[in-house]
Amino acid sequence: MIHVVARMELNPGCQEKMLEIMRDLVPVVRAEAGCITYNPCIDNDDNQSYLTIVEAWESEAHLKAHLDSAHMAEYRVAVKDLRKGSTLYLLNPVM
């Protein structure tokens, strides 16, 4: 199993549009082979500048297939003007 934390800094005023895109994307991703969990989260404060996706995949191969999928390519185009950037953390469980 591999865990992923994808943290995105959103441009001002773009949170609602990003969440709208995520509402359509999440069911598609959760139906992918190897997806254990895919949960978009916002900070637990008034900061609307970040969206974090907490993910778990059965393997790195499943994660790679997810990242290479057509719907993720479409997603990247759709959100390119909504975020300043993103950071992807790959984590291996130890217990």
C-alpha atoms as a PDB file:
ATOM      1  CA  MET A   1       0.000   0.000   0.000  1.00  0.00           C
ATOM      2  CA  ILE A   2       1.060   3.597  -0.604  1.00  0.00           C
ATOM      3  CA  HIS A   3      -0.384   6.726   0.940  1.00  0.00           C
ATOM      4  CA  VAL A   4      -0.485  10.068  -0.830  1.00  0.00           C
ATOM      5  CA  VAL A   5      -1.026  13.556   0.523  1.00  0.00           C
ATOM      6  CA  ALA A   6      -1.587  16.074  -2.271  1.00  0.00           C
ATOM      7  CA  ARG A   7      -1.658  19.645  -0.969  1.00  0.00           C
ATOM      8  CA  MET A   8      -2.707  22.468  -3.271  1.00  0.00           C
ATOM      9  CA  GLU A   9      -2.512  26.191  -2.698  1.00  0.00           C
ATOM     10  CA  LEU A  10      -5.562  27.739  -4.308  1.00  0.00           C
ATOM     11  CA  ASN A  11      -5.746  31.130  -5.923  1.00  0.00           C
ATOM     12  CA  PRO A  12      -7.934  33.619  -4.023  1.00  0.00           C
ATOM     13  CA  GLY A  13     -11.649  33.059  -4.561  1.00  0.00           C
ATOM     14  CA  CYS A  14     -11.202  29.681  -6.295  1.00  0.00           C
ATOM     15  CA  GLN A  15     -12.223  27.269  -3.552  1.00  0.00           C
ATOM     16  CA  GLU A  16     -15.855  26.835  -4.649  1.00  0.00           C
ATOM     17  CA  LYS A  17     -14.923  26.160  -8.286  1.00  0.00           C
ATOM     18  CA  MET A  18     -12.264  23.659  -7.152  1.00  0.00           C
ATOM     19  CA  LEU A  19     -14.786  21.866  -4.931  1.00  0.00           C
ATOM     20  CA  GLU A  20     -17.250  21.731  -7.839  1.00  0.00           C
ATOM     21  CA  ILE A  21     -14.618  20.016  -9.989  1.00  0.00           C
ATOM     22  CA  MET A  22     -13.756  17.652  -7.128  1.00  0.00           C
ATOM     23  CA  ARG A  23     -17.430  16.663  -6.695  1.00  0.00           C
ATOM     24  CA  ASP A  24     -17.375  15.299 -10.247  1.00  0.00           C
ATOM     25  CA  LEU A  25     -13.886  13.769 -10.017  1.00  0.00           C
ATOM     26  CA  VAL A  26     -14.056  11.952  -6.675  1.00  0.00           C
ATOM     27  CA  PRO A  27     -16.532   9.190  -7.662  1.00  0.00           C
ATOM     28  CA  VAL A  28     -14.509   8.479 -10.812  1.00  0.00           C
ATOM     29  CA  VAL A  29     -11.256   8.182  -8.857  1.00  0.00           C
ATOM     30  CA  ARG A  30     -12.812   6.078  -6.086  1.00  0.00           C
ATOM     31  CA  ALA A  31     -13.986   3.618  -8.768  1.00  0.00           C
ATOM     32  CA  GLU A  32     -10.446   3.151 -10.119  1.00  0.00           C
ATOM     33  CA  ALA A  33      -8.699  -0.174  -9.639  1.00  0.00           C
ATOM     34  CA  GLY A  34      -6.484  -0.051  -6.572  1.00  0.00           C
ATOM     35  CA  CYS A  35      -8.046   3.025  -4.963  1.00  0.00           C
ATOM     36  CA  ILE A  36      -8.493   2.413  -1.242  1.00  0.00           C
ATOM     37  CA  THR A  37      -9.419   5.960  -0.283  1.00  0.00           C
ATOM     38  CA  TYR A  38      -9.515   9.379  -1.940  1.00  0.00           C
ATOM     39  CA  ASN A  39     -10.650  12.178   0.362  1.00  0.00           C
ATOM     40  CA  PRO A  40     -10.446  15.891  -0.453  1.00  0.00           C
ATOM     41  CA  CYS A  41     -10.155  18.026   2.699  1.00  0.00           C
ATOM     42  CA  ILE A  42     -10.054  21.709   3.514  1.00  0.00           C
ATOM     43  CA  ASP A  43      -8.217  23.223   6.471  1.00  0.00           C
ATOM     44  CA  ASN A  44     -10.146  23.240   9.732  1.00  0.00           C
ATOM     45  CA  ASP A  45     -10.012  27.020  10.058  1.00  0.00           C
ATOM     46  CA  ASP A  46     -10.986  30.078   8.066  1.00  0.00           C
ATOM     47  CA  ASN A  47      -8.074  29.592   5.654  1.00  0.00           C
ATOM     48  CA  GLN A  48      -9.592  28.885   2.239  1.00  0.00           C
ATOM     49  CA  SER A  49      -6.238  28.861   0.508  1.00  0.00           C
ATOM     50  CA  TYR A  50      -5.543  25.125   0.593  1.00  0.00           C
ATOM     51  CA  LEU A  51      -7.152  21.885  -0.515  1.00  0.00           C
ATOM     52  CA  THR A  52      -5.540  18.633   0.564  1.00  0.00           C
ATOM     53  CA  ILE A  53      -6.365  15.208  -0.865  1.00  0.00           C
ATOM     54  CA  VAL A  54      -5.602  12.240   1.381  1.00  0.00           C
ATOM     55  CA  GLU A  55      -5.270   9.060  -0.675  1.00  0.00           C
ATOM     56  CA  ALA A  56      -4.344   5.410  -0.307  1.00  0.00           C
ATOM     57  CA  TRP A  57      -3.576   3.042  -3.187  1.00  0.00           C
ATOM     58  CA  GLU A  58      -2.955  -0.689  -3.253  1.00  0.00           C
ATOM     59  CA  SER A  59       0.392  -0.178  -5.010  1.00  0.00           C
ATOM     60  CA  GLU A  60       2.601   2.353  -6.757  1.00  0.00           C
ATOM     61  CA  ALA A  61       1.487   0.820 -10.059  1.00  0.00           C
ATOM     62  CA  HIS A  62      -2.145   1.668  -9.220  1.00  0.00           C
ATOM     63  CA  LEU A  63      -1.110   5.206  -8.291  1.00  0.00           C
ATOM     64  CA  LYS A  64       0.816   5.576 -11.555  1.00  0.00           C
ATOM     65  CA  ALA A  65      -2.205   4.361 -13.547  1.00  0.00           C
ATOM     66  CA  HIS A  66      -4.339   6.915 -11.700  1.00  0.00           C
ATOM     67  CA  LEU A  67      -1.926   9.761 -12.437  1.00  0.00           C
ATOM     68  CA  ASP A  68      -1.698   8.711 -16.108  1.00  0.00           C
ATOM     69  CA  SER A  69      -5.475   8.375 -16.583  1.00  0.00           C
ATOM     70  CA  ALA A  70      -7.425  10.506 -19.057  1.00  0.00           C
ATOM     71  CA  HIS A  71      -9.665  11.945 -16.344  1.00  0.00           C
ATOM     72  CA  MET A  72      -6.638  13.157 -14.364  1.00  0.00           C
ATOM     73  CA  ALA A  73      -5.228  14.803 -17.497  1.00  0.00           C
ATOM     74  CA  GLU A  74      -8.575  16.572 -17.930  1.00  0.00           C
ATOM     75  CA  TYR A  75      -8.552  17.523 -14.246  1.00  0.00           C
ATOM     76  CA  ARG A  76      -5.092  19.112 -14.514  1.00  0.00           C
ATOM     77  CA  VAL A  77      -6.278  21.264 -17.431  1.00  0.00           C
ATOM     78  CA  ALA A  78      -9.475  22.240 -15.591  1.00  0.00           C
ATOM     79  CA  VAL A  79      -7.667  23.379 -12.426  1.00  0.00           C
ATOM     80  CA  LYS A  80      -4.529  24.956 -13.880  1.00  0.00           C
ATOM     81  CA  ASP A  81      -5.807  28.496 -13.282  1.00  0.00           C
ATOM     82  CA  LEU A  82      -7.390  27.695  -9.903  1.00  0.00           C
ATOM     83  CA  ARG A  83      -4.230  26.858  -7.986  1.00  0.00           C
ATOM     84  CA  LYS A  84      -0.826  28.379  -7.454  1.00  0.00           C
ATOM     85  CA  GLY A  85       0.808  24.997  -7.183  1.00  0.00           C
ATOM     86  CA  SER A  86       0.732  21.661  -5.465  1.00  0.00           C
ATOM     87  CA  THR A  87       2.973  19.382  -3.459  1.00  0.00           C
ATOM     88  CA  LEU A  88       2.695  15.612  -3.566  1.00  0.00           C
ATOM     89  CA  TYR A  89       3.899  13.515  -0.618  1.00  0.00           C
ATOM     90  CA  LEU A  90       4.263   9.745  -1.078  1.00  0.00           C
ATOM     91  CA  LEU A  91       4.262   7.811   2.182  1.00  0.00           C
ATOM     92  CA  ASN A  92       4.936   4.150   2.924  1.00  0.00           C
ATOM     93  CA  PRO A  93       3.150   2.744   5.971  1.00  0.00           C
ATOM     94  CA  VAL A  94       5.491   1.268   8.551  1.00  0.00           C
ATOM     95  CA  MET A  95       2.926  -0.526  10.731  1.00  0.00           C
END
